[in-house]
N, C-alpha and C. Protein backbone atom coordinates (compact mmCIF):
# COMPACT_ATOMS: atom_id res chain seq x y z
N MET A 1 18.22 28.32 98.30
CA MET A 1 17.20 29.02 97.56
C MET A 1 17.20 30.50 97.91
N LYS A 2 17.89 30.91 98.95
CA LYS A 2 17.83 32.29 99.39
C LYS A 2 18.80 33.14 98.56
N THR A 3 18.24 33.97 97.71
CA THR A 3 19.03 34.86 96.87
C THR A 3 18.58 36.28 97.16
N GLN A 4 19.36 36.97 97.93
CA GLN A 4 19.02 38.34 98.29
C GLN A 4 19.86 39.29 97.46
N ILE A 5 19.28 40.41 97.11
CA ILE A 5 20.04 41.41 96.37
C ILE A 5 20.96 42.16 97.33
N SER A 6 20.39 42.77 98.34
CA SER A 6 21.20 43.51 99.30
C SER A 6 20.45 43.64 100.61
N LYS A 7 21.18 43.97 101.64
CA LYS A 7 20.56 44.19 102.94
C LYS A 7 20.97 45.58 103.41
N PRO A 8 20.11 46.57 103.19
CA PRO A 8 20.43 47.93 103.61
C PRO A 8 20.54 48.03 105.13
N SER A 9 21.15 49.09 105.58
CA SER A 9 21.37 49.27 107.02
C SER A 9 20.07 49.44 107.79
N ALA A 10 19.00 49.85 107.13
CA ALA A 10 17.73 50.07 107.81
C ALA A 10 17.06 48.74 108.18
N GLY A 11 17.61 47.62 107.74
CA GLY A 11 17.05 46.33 108.09
C GLY A 11 16.08 45.78 107.07
N LYS A 12 15.85 46.50 105.98
CA LYS A 12 14.93 46.05 104.95
C LYS A 12 15.70 45.24 103.91
N THR A 13 15.32 43.99 103.75
CA THR A 13 15.99 43.11 102.80
C THR A 13 15.27 43.17 101.46
N LEU A 14 16.04 43.26 100.39
CA LEU A 14 15.48 43.27 99.05
C LEU A 14 15.68 41.89 98.44
N PHE A 15 14.62 41.31 97.91
CA PHE A 15 14.68 40.00 97.30
C PHE A 15 14.49 40.12 95.80
N THR A 16 15.09 39.21 95.05
CA THR A 16 14.92 39.21 93.60
C THR A 16 13.53 38.71 93.24
N ALA A 17 13.10 39.03 92.03
CA ALA A 17 11.79 38.56 91.56
C ALA A 17 11.78 37.04 91.46
N GLU A 18 12.93 36.47 91.07
CA GLU A 18 13.02 35.01 90.96
C GLU A 18 12.85 34.36 92.33
N TYR A 19 13.47 34.96 93.34
CA TYR A 19 13.36 34.41 94.69
C TYR A 19 11.92 34.46 95.18
N LYS A 20 11.25 35.58 94.92
CA LYS A 20 9.85 35.71 95.34
C LYS A 20 8.99 34.65 94.68
N GLU A 21 9.20 34.46 93.38
CA GLU A 21 8.42 33.47 92.64
C GLU A 21 8.70 32.05 93.15
N GLU A 22 9.98 31.75 93.40
CA GLU A 22 10.33 30.42 93.93
C GLU A 22 9.72 30.20 95.30
N ALA A 23 9.74 31.23 96.13
CA ALA A 23 9.19 31.10 97.48
C ALA A 23 7.69 30.83 97.43
N VAL A 24 6.98 31.55 96.60
CA VAL A 24 5.53 31.36 96.48
C VAL A 24 5.23 29.97 95.91
N ASN A 25 5.98 29.56 94.88
CA ASN A 25 5.78 28.23 94.31
C ASN A 25 6.07 27.13 95.33
N HIS A 26 7.12 27.32 96.13
CA HIS A 26 7.46 26.35 97.18
C HIS A 26 6.30 26.24 98.18
N TRP A 27 5.74 27.37 98.55
CA TRP A 27 4.62 27.39 99.50
C TRP A 27 3.40 26.69 98.90
N LYS A 28 3.07 27.01 97.64
CA LYS A 28 1.88 26.43 97.01
C LYS A 28 2.03 24.92 96.80
N GLU A 29 3.21 24.49 96.38
CA GLU A 29 3.42 23.08 96.07
C GLU A 29 3.60 22.21 97.32
N SER A 30 4.06 22.81 98.41
CA SER A 30 4.33 22.01 99.61
C SER A 30 3.05 21.61 100.34
N GLY A 31 2.00 22.40 100.19
CA GLY A 31 0.75 22.10 100.88
C GLY A 31 0.78 22.46 102.35
N ARG A 32 1.84 23.12 102.78
CA ARG A 32 1.95 23.54 104.18
C ARG A 32 1.46 24.96 104.33
N SER A 33 1.34 25.40 105.55
CA SER A 33 0.84 26.75 105.82
C SER A 33 1.89 27.78 105.42
N ALA A 34 1.40 28.98 105.18
CA ALA A 34 2.30 30.07 104.81
C ALA A 34 3.25 30.39 105.96
N ALA A 35 2.77 30.28 107.19
CA ALA A 35 3.61 30.58 108.35
C ALA A 35 4.78 29.60 108.44
N THR A 36 4.52 28.33 108.16
CA THR A 36 5.58 27.32 108.24
C THR A 36 6.64 27.55 107.17
N VAL A 37 6.19 27.77 105.95
CA VAL A 37 7.13 27.99 104.85
C VAL A 37 7.89 29.30 105.06
N ALA A 38 7.19 30.34 105.51
CA ALA A 38 7.84 31.63 105.75
C ALA A 38 8.91 31.50 106.84
N ALA A 39 8.61 30.73 107.87
CA ALA A 39 9.60 30.53 108.94
C ALA A 39 10.84 29.82 108.41
N GLU A 40 10.64 28.85 107.52
CA GLU A 40 11.77 28.15 106.91
C GLU A 40 12.63 29.11 106.10
N LEU A 41 11.98 30.04 105.42
CA LEU A 41 12.70 30.97 104.55
C LEU A 41 13.25 32.17 105.30
N GLY A 42 12.84 32.33 106.54
CA GLY A 42 13.33 33.45 107.34
C GLY A 42 12.60 34.75 107.06
N ILE A 43 11.36 34.64 106.64
CA ILE A 43 10.53 35.82 106.39
C ILE A 43 9.24 35.68 107.16
N ARG A 44 8.42 36.72 107.13
CA ARG A 44 7.13 36.65 107.80
C ARG A 44 6.05 36.22 106.82
N ALA A 45 5.00 35.59 107.32
CA ALA A 45 3.93 35.06 106.48
C ALA A 45 3.21 36.15 105.67
N PRO A 46 2.94 37.35 106.24
CA PRO A 46 2.27 38.38 105.43
C PRO A 46 3.07 38.77 104.17
N LEU A 47 4.40 38.69 104.28
CA LEU A 47 5.23 38.99 103.12
C LEU A 47 5.02 37.94 102.04
N LEU A 48 4.90 36.70 102.42
CA LEU A 48 4.65 35.62 101.47
C LEU A 48 3.28 35.80 100.82
N TYR A 49 2.29 36.19 101.59
CA TYR A 49 0.96 36.47 101.04
C TYR A 49 1.01 37.64 100.04
N ARG A 50 1.77 38.67 100.38
CA ARG A 50 1.88 39.84 99.50
C ARG A 50 2.55 39.46 98.18
N TRP A 51 3.61 38.63 98.24
CA TRP A 51 4.28 38.18 97.03
C TRP A 51 3.33 37.37 96.15
N ALA A 52 2.53 36.50 96.78
CA ALA A 52 1.58 35.69 96.02
C ALA A 52 0.55 36.58 95.33
N LYS A 53 0.09 37.59 96.02
CA LYS A 53 -0.89 38.51 95.44
C LYS A 53 -0.28 39.27 94.27
N GLN A 54 0.96 39.74 94.42
CA GLN A 54 1.64 40.46 93.35
C GLN A 54 1.80 39.57 92.12
N LEU A 55 2.22 38.33 92.33
CA LEU A 55 2.40 37.40 91.21
C LEU A 55 1.07 37.10 90.53
N ARG A 56 0.02 36.96 91.32
CA ARG A 56 -1.31 36.69 90.76
C ARG A 56 -1.78 37.88 89.91
N LEU A 57 -1.58 39.10 90.40
CA LEU A 57 -2.00 40.29 89.66
C LEU A 57 -1.21 40.45 88.37
N THR A 58 0.08 40.21 88.41
CA THR A 58 0.88 40.34 87.19
C THR A 58 0.52 39.26 86.19
N ALA A 59 0.16 38.08 86.67
CA ALA A 59 -0.25 37.01 85.76
C ALA A 59 -1.59 37.35 85.10
N GLN A 60 -2.49 37.98 85.85
CA GLN A 60 -3.79 38.38 85.29
C GLN A 60 -3.62 39.47 84.25
N GLN A 61 -2.66 40.36 84.47
CA GLN A 61 -2.43 41.45 83.54
C GLN A 61 -1.59 41.00 82.36
N GLY A 62 -1.05 39.81 82.41
CA GLY A 62 -0.25 39.29 81.31
C GLY A 62 1.14 39.89 81.25
N GLY A 63 1.53 40.63 82.24
CA GLY A 63 2.84 41.26 82.24
C GLY A 63 3.86 40.45 83.00
N GLN A 64 5.05 40.91 82.94
CA GLN A 64 6.11 40.27 83.69
C GLN A 64 6.29 41.05 84.99
N PRO A 65 6.57 40.36 86.09
CA PRO A 65 6.68 41.05 87.36
C PRO A 65 7.90 41.96 87.43
N GLU A 66 7.67 43.16 87.89
CA GLU A 66 8.72 44.11 88.23
C GLU A 66 9.75 44.32 87.13
N LEU A 67 9.31 44.58 85.92
CA LEU A 67 10.25 44.93 84.86
C LEU A 67 10.81 46.32 85.15
N LYS A 68 12.08 46.46 85.02
CA LYS A 68 12.70 47.76 85.23
C LYS A 68 12.34 48.69 84.07
N THR A 69 12.44 49.97 84.30
CA THR A 69 12.04 50.95 83.30
C THR A 69 12.82 50.80 82.01
N ALA A 70 14.13 50.62 82.08
CA ALA A 70 14.94 50.49 80.87
C ALA A 70 14.56 49.24 80.09
N ALA A 71 14.31 48.15 80.79
CA ALA A 71 13.92 46.91 80.12
C ALA A 71 12.54 47.07 79.49
N ARG A 72 11.66 47.75 80.17
CA ARG A 72 10.31 47.98 79.65
C ARG A 72 10.38 48.84 78.39
N VAL A 73 11.20 49.89 78.41
CA VAL A 73 11.36 50.76 77.25
C VAL A 73 11.94 49.98 76.08
N ALA A 74 12.96 49.16 76.36
CA ALA A 74 13.57 48.36 75.30
C ALA A 74 12.57 47.39 74.69
N ALA A 75 11.75 46.78 75.53
CA ALA A 75 10.74 45.85 75.03
C ALA A 75 9.70 46.57 74.17
N LEU A 76 9.29 47.75 74.60
CA LEU A 76 8.32 48.53 73.84
C LEU A 76 8.91 49.02 72.51
N GLU A 77 10.19 49.42 72.53
CA GLU A 77 10.83 49.84 71.29
C GLU A 77 10.93 48.68 70.30
N GLY A 78 11.23 47.51 70.80
CA GLY A 78 11.28 46.33 69.94
C GLY A 78 9.92 46.03 69.32
N ARG A 79 8.89 46.16 70.12
CA ARG A 79 7.53 45.92 69.63
C ARG A 79 7.13 46.97 68.59
N ILE A 80 7.52 48.23 68.82
CA ILE A 80 7.23 49.29 67.85
C ILE A 80 7.94 49.01 66.54
N ARG A 81 9.20 48.59 66.62
CA ARG A 81 9.96 48.27 65.41
C ARG A 81 9.29 47.13 64.65
N GLN A 82 8.86 46.10 65.35
CA GLN A 82 8.20 44.95 64.73
C GLN A 82 6.90 45.39 64.05
N LEU A 83 6.10 46.20 64.72
CA LEU A 83 4.84 46.66 64.15
C LEU A 83 5.05 47.60 62.97
N SER A 84 6.10 48.41 63.01
CA SER A 84 6.40 49.30 61.89
C SER A 84 6.77 48.49 60.65
N GLU A 85 7.58 47.44 60.84
CA GLU A 85 7.94 46.58 59.71
C GLU A 85 6.71 45.90 59.13
N GLU A 86 5.84 45.41 60.00
CA GLU A 86 4.62 44.75 59.55
C GLU A 86 3.72 45.75 58.81
N ASN A 87 3.64 46.97 59.32
CA ASN A 87 2.82 48.00 58.68
C ASN A 87 3.35 48.33 57.28
N ALA A 88 4.66 48.44 57.14
CA ALA A 88 5.25 48.73 55.83
C ALA A 88 4.96 47.60 54.85
N LYS A 89 5.05 46.38 55.31
CA LYS A 89 4.77 45.23 54.46
C LYS A 89 3.30 45.24 54.00
N LEU A 90 2.39 45.53 54.92
CA LEU A 90 0.97 45.57 54.57
C LEU A 90 0.65 46.71 53.61
N LEU A 91 1.30 47.86 53.79
CA LEU A 91 1.08 48.97 52.87
C LEU A 91 1.55 48.60 51.46
N GLU A 92 2.68 47.92 51.37
CA GLU A 92 3.18 47.48 50.07
C GLU A 92 2.21 46.50 49.42
N GLN A 93 1.70 45.55 50.20
CA GLN A 93 0.74 44.59 49.67
C GLN A 93 -0.53 45.29 49.20
N ARG A 94 -0.97 46.29 49.92
CA ARG A 94 -2.17 47.03 49.54
C ARG A 94 -1.97 47.75 48.21
N GLU A 95 -0.80 48.36 48.04
CA GLU A 95 -0.52 49.05 46.78
C GLU A 95 -0.49 48.09 45.61
N VAL A 96 0.08 46.91 45.81
CA VAL A 96 0.11 45.90 44.75
C VAL A 96 -1.31 45.48 44.38
N LEU A 97 -2.14 45.28 45.39
CA LEU A 97 -3.53 44.90 45.12
C LEU A 97 -4.29 46.01 44.40
N LYS A 98 -4.03 47.26 44.76
CA LYS A 98 -4.69 48.37 44.07
C LYS A 98 -4.32 48.39 42.60
N LYS A 99 -3.01 48.21 42.32
CA LYS A 99 -2.55 48.22 40.93
C LYS A 99 -3.14 47.06 40.14
N SER A 100 -3.17 45.88 40.76
CA SER A 100 -3.71 44.72 40.05
C SER A 100 -5.21 44.88 39.81
N LEU A 101 -5.92 45.48 40.74
CA LEU A 101 -7.34 45.73 40.55
C LEU A 101 -7.57 46.71 39.41
N GLY A 102 -6.73 47.73 39.35
CA GLY A 102 -6.83 48.70 38.28
C GLY A 102 -6.57 48.08 36.92
N ILE A 103 -5.58 47.19 36.86
CA ILE A 103 -5.26 46.52 35.59
C ILE A 103 -6.39 45.58 35.18
N LEU A 104 -6.90 44.84 36.13
CA LEU A 104 -7.95 43.86 35.81
C LEU A 104 -9.28 44.52 35.47
N SER A 105 -9.53 45.71 35.97
CA SER A 105 -10.82 46.35 35.72
C SER A 105 -10.79 47.27 34.49
N GLU A 106 -9.65 47.38 33.82
CA GLU A 106 -9.58 48.19 32.60
C GLU A 106 -10.35 47.52 31.48
N VAL A 107 -10.96 48.32 30.65
CA VAL A 107 -11.67 47.81 29.48
C VAL A 107 -10.62 47.46 28.43
N PRO A 108 -10.67 46.25 27.87
CA PRO A 108 -9.66 45.90 26.88
C PRO A 108 -9.82 46.76 25.62
N PRO A 109 -8.72 47.12 24.96
CA PRO A 109 -8.81 47.94 23.76
C PRO A 109 -9.49 47.20 22.62
N ARG A 110 -9.98 47.97 21.60
CA ARG A 110 -10.67 47.37 20.43
C ARG A 110 -9.72 46.46 19.69
N GLY A 111 -10.31 45.48 19.14
CA GLY A 111 -9.56 44.54 18.33
C GLY A 111 -8.91 43.43 19.11
N MET A 112 -9.06 43.46 20.42
CA MET A 112 -8.49 42.39 21.24
C MET A 112 -9.48 41.24 21.26
N PRO A 113 -8.97 40.04 21.32
CA PRO A 113 -9.89 38.89 21.42
C PRO A 113 -10.75 39.02 22.66
N GLY A 114 -12.02 38.76 22.55
CA GLY A 114 -12.94 38.85 23.68
C GLY A 114 -13.52 40.24 23.83
N SER A 115 -13.12 41.17 22.99
CA SER A 115 -13.62 42.54 23.06
C SER A 115 -14.89 42.65 22.24
N ASN A 116 -15.92 43.27 22.75
CA ASN A 116 -17.18 43.44 22.04
C ASN A 116 -17.22 44.75 21.28
N ARG A 117 -16.26 45.54 21.35
CA ARG A 117 -16.29 46.86 20.71
C ARG A 117 -15.55 46.87 19.41
């Protein structure tokens, strides 16, 4: 289960978001203490608590944990494109409704059946 990205010379290990999520889920599902699970994983218990807090906060915000800037920009651009297409479709529908309302509210010319003039 240990998937590390890299181990810099300063001694600070970087873990993937998937690893953090798996570690927290393993701790929550096992019913054991954070210290026990952290010792099994080779990390300290406060780090496991911090990961759990981060995951809880991102879940409350409805976001995905630790999205990189490029991925976030791409996701936002996709959403903008989707909303622009929807906006264009709604504008077209509005114009059609305006035209149909104009046609239906016209007074029929004289001599037409149903005309009182």
